Amino acid sequence: MSTSKIALSVIAVIALVGGVVWATSAMSDDEMTSNDNESRETEIIEGQPNIVELAQDTPQLSTLVDAVVAAELAETLSGEGPYTVFAPTNDAFSALPEGTLGDLLMLENQGQLQSVLTYHVVAGDVMSGDLSDGQTIETLQGQTLTVSIHEGGVFINDAQVITADVDASNGVVHIIDSVLLPN
């Protein structure tokens, strides 16, 4: 499979989010969640790009796309979702200590790269309005992220959210200014 097809698949996984569901006050939380998922499935039919496609079409996320391909996470991230991805920019990867990215991209370090990347992914749709100061969110990697909200902005651990709520057909993407590193 070509690198571009793999990258396209990865973007598809990162983007399975959907639309807004207007619920009446008579609906229970379970009914609202069920209807929200149904609404998102409807939007997929309408042609919204998935996470991988969205990332491929965003020049400032090209390093992330390359890393997802190297980690062989395209198939995983091409699943139904929904997923929330905290997507580091190219500048965020460039700010890592010298040699770190190169080491992570080496075949023998694929497991470590997978751990770093899945630390940026959360199951479900987590929109910016769903976040609260001090909130912890479990990642697919298994560790948690901590949300901080103050006048300076919204932060996930020490990474600032620079673009929030980018909808995709299989989730939502929040672009961040730093790479999150698990403990």
Protein backbone atom coordinates (compact mmCIF):
# COMPACT_ATOMS: atom_id res chain seq x y z
CA MET A 1 0.00 0.00 0.00
CA SER A 2 1.45 3.41 -0.92
CA THR A 3 2.42 5.95 1.71
CA SER A 4 -0.20 8.39 0.44
CA LYS A 5 -2.95 5.76 0.71
CA ILE A 6 -1.85 4.87 4.25
CA ALA A 7 -1.75 8.54 5.22
CA LEU A 8 -5.19 9.02 3.71
CA SER A 9 -6.47 6.12 5.81
CA VAL A 10 -4.93 7.62 8.94
CA ILE A 11 -6.60 10.95 8.33
CA ALA A 12 -9.88 9.15 7.83
CA VAL A 13 -9.59 7.65 11.30
CA ILE A 14 -8.75 10.93 12.94
CA ALA A 15 -11.88 12.60 11.59
CA LEU A 16 -15.06 10.60 12.41
CA VAL A 17 -16.93 13.33 14.34
CA GLY A 18 -20.21 14.75 13.27
CA GLY A 19 -22.82 17.32 13.71
CA VAL A 20 -24.77 18.94 16.41
CA VAL A 21 -27.81 17.22 17.84
CA TRP A 22 -30.65 19.33 19.12
CA ALA A 23 -32.26 17.43 21.97
CA THR A 24 -35.34 18.30 23.92
CA SER A 25 -35.26 18.56 27.67
CA ALA A 26 -37.36 15.39 27.83
CA MET A 27 -34.48 13.29 26.47
CA SER A 28 -32.21 11.40 28.82
CA ASP A 29 -28.42 11.68 28.52
CA ASP A 30 -28.35 8.16 27.03
CA GLU A 31 -30.91 9.12 24.37
CA MET A 32 -28.95 12.27 23.54
CA THR A 33 -25.70 10.29 23.18
CA SER A 34 -27.40 7.71 20.99
CA ASN A 35 -28.94 10.38 18.76
CA ASP A 36 -25.62 12.26 18.57
CA ASN A 37 -23.89 9.15 17.22
CA GLU A 38 -26.69 8.62 14.69
CA SER A 39 -26.34 12.24 13.57
CA ARG A 40 -22.60 11.78 13.07
CA GLU A 41 -23.19 8.70 10.94
CA THR A 42 -25.54 10.76 8.76
CA GLU A 43 -22.84 13.39 8.24
CA ILE A 44 -20.43 10.72 6.98
CA ILE A 45 -22.86 10.12 4.12
CA GLU A 46 -22.76 13.85 3.37
CA GLY A 47 -19.03 13.60 2.56
CA GLN A 48 -17.26 15.21 5.50
CA PRO A 49 -13.50 14.36 5.49
CA ASN A 50 -12.22 11.93 8.06
CA ILE A 51 -9.38 12.70 10.47
CA VAL A 52 -6.67 11.36 8.18
CA GLU A 53 -7.97 13.27 5.16
CA LEU A 54 -8.27 16.40 7.26
CA ALA A 55 -4.67 16.06 8.50
CA GLN A 56 -3.37 15.40 4.98
CA ASP A 57 -5.10 18.54 3.77
CA THR A 58 -3.56 20.61 6.59
CA PRO A 59 0.05 21.49 5.69
CA GLN A 60 0.97 22.29 9.30
CA LEU A 61 0.18 18.64 10.25
CA SER A 62 2.39 16.89 7.67
CA THR A 63 4.90 15.66 10.28
CA LEU A 64 2.05 14.13 12.27
CA VAL A 65 0.81 12.35 9.14
CA ASP A 66 4.33 11.01 8.47
CA ALA A 67 4.57 9.79 12.08
CA VAL A 68 1.17 8.04 11.94
CA VAL A 69 2.24 6.25 8.77
CA ALA A 70 5.60 5.24 10.31
CA ALA A 71 3.80 3.94 13.41
CA GLU A 72 1.44 1.87 11.23
CA LEU A 73 -1.57 3.40 12.96
CA ALA A 74 -3.48 4.19 9.76
CA GLU A 75 -5.78 1.18 10.05
CA THR A 76 -6.49 1.82 13.72
CA LEU A 77 -7.18 5.49 13.13
CA SER A 78 -9.36 4.66 10.14
CA GLY A 79 -11.91 2.95 12.37
CA GLU A 80 -15.39 4.21 13.10
CA GLY A 81 -14.42 6.24 16.12
CA PRO A 82 -15.39 8.71 17.20
CA TYR A 83 -11.94 9.91 18.25
CA THR A 84 -10.61 13.16 19.59
CA VAL A 85 -7.09 13.94 18.41
CA PHE A 86 -4.83 16.56 19.94
CA ALA A 87 -2.73 17.15 16.83
CA PRO A 88 0.75 18.67 17.23
CA THR A 89 1.92 21.01 14.47
CA ASN A 90 5.11 20.60 12.45
CA ASP A 91 6.64 23.34 14.64
CA ALA A 92 5.74 21.31 17.74
CA PHE A 93 7.66 18.31 16.38
CA SER A 94 10.58 20.59 15.42
CA ALA A 95 10.74 21.85 19.02
CA LEU A 96 11.51 18.36 20.37
CA PRO A 97 15.11 17.91 21.53
CA GLU A 98 17.48 17.33 18.62
CA GLY A 99 17.34 13.77 17.34
CA THR A 100 14.13 12.83 19.20
CA LEU A 101 11.85 12.77 16.15
CA GLY A 102 14.43 10.92 14.06
CA ASP A 103 14.83 8.31 16.79
CA LEU A 104 11.06 7.88 17.13
CA LEU A 105 10.69 7.36 13.37
CA MET A 106 13.23 4.49 13.34
CA LEU A 107 11.65 1.08 12.74
CA GLU A 108 13.12 -0.36 15.96
CA ASN A 109 11.33 2.38 17.96
CA GLN A 110 7.92 1.86 16.40
CA GLY A 111 6.35 0.78 19.71
CA GLN A 112 7.55 3.96 21.41
CA LEU A 113 6.24 6.07 18.50
CA GLN A 114 2.87 4.31 18.76
CA SER A 115 2.78 5.08 22.49
CA VAL A 116 3.51 8.77 21.89
CA LEU A 117 0.90 9.06 19.14
CA THR A 118 -1.88 7.20 20.98
CA TYR A 119 -1.21 9.53 23.93
CA HIS A 120 -2.67 12.24 21.67
CA VAL A 121 -5.92 10.31 20.98
CA VAL A 122 -9.02 10.04 23.16
CA ALA A 123 -12.03 7.81 22.53
CA GLY A 124 -15.21 9.78 21.85
CA ASP A 125 -15.99 13.32 20.78
CA VAL A 126 -14.48 15.85 23.14
CA MET A 127 -15.40 19.31 21.91
CA SER A 128 -13.83 22.40 23.48
CA GLY A 129 -17.12 23.19 25.22
CA ASP A 130 -16.91 19.80 26.96
CA LEU A 131 -13.59 20.66 28.63
CA SER A 132 -13.29 22.04 32.14
CA ASP A 133 -10.37 23.31 34.18
CA GLY A 134 -8.65 20.48 36.04
CA GLN A 135 -10.40 17.77 34.03
CA THR A 136 -8.46 14.59 33.30
CA ILE A 137 -9.03 12.62 30.10
CA GLU A 138 -7.90 9.04 29.51
CA THR A 139 -6.02 8.48 26.25
CA LEU A 140 -5.94 5.41 24.02
CA GLN A 141 -2.36 4.96 25.25
CA GLY A 142 -3.76 4.41 28.77
CA GLN A 143 -2.43 7.47 30.59
CA THR A 144 -4.36 10.66 31.27
CA LEU A 145 -4.15 14.22 30.01
CA THR A 146 -4.95 17.22 32.21
CA VAL A 147 -6.94 20.22 30.99
CA SER A 148 -6.11 23.74 32.19
CA ILE A 149 -8.28 26.69 31.21
CA HIS A 150 -7.33 30.25 32.07
CA GLU A 151 -6.98 33.67 30.44
CA GLY A 152 -3.97 32.45 28.47
CA GLY A 153 -6.10 29.83 26.73
CA VAL A 154 -6.86 26.12 26.87
CA PHE A 155 -3.99 23.76 27.61
CA ILE A 156 -3.73 19.99 27.40
CA ASN A 157 -0.90 19.19 29.81
CA ASP A 158 1.57 21.92 28.73
CA ALA A 159 0.39 22.15 25.10
CA GLN A 160 -1.81 25.08 24.14
CA VAL A 161 -4.80 24.47 21.89
CA ILE A 162 -4.27 26.83 18.95
CA THR A 163 -7.21 25.64 16.81
CA ALA A 164 -10.18 23.89 18.43
CA ASP A 165 -13.13 21.84 17.25
CA VAL A 166 -12.09 20.87 13.72
CA ASP A 167 -14.83 18.41 12.80
CA ALA A 168 -14.15 15.23 10.89
CA SER A 169 -16.39 12.36 9.91
CA ASN A 170 -14.94 10.10 12.64
CA GLY A 171 -14.15 12.60 15.36
CA VAL A 172 -12.74 15.99 16.18
CA VAL A 173 -9.26 17.47 15.98
CA HIS A 174 -7.76 20.11 18.26
CA ILE A 175 -4.46 21.47 16.93
CA ILE A 176 -1.86 21.98 19.67
CA ASP A 177 1.52 23.73 19.82
CA SER A 178 3.55 20.99 21.57
CA VAL A 179 4.06 17.26 21.36
CA LEU A 180 2.61 15.46 24.37
CA LEU A 181 5.00 12.90 25.83
CA PRO A 182 3.70 10.13 28.10
CA ASN A 183 5.45 9.39 31.40
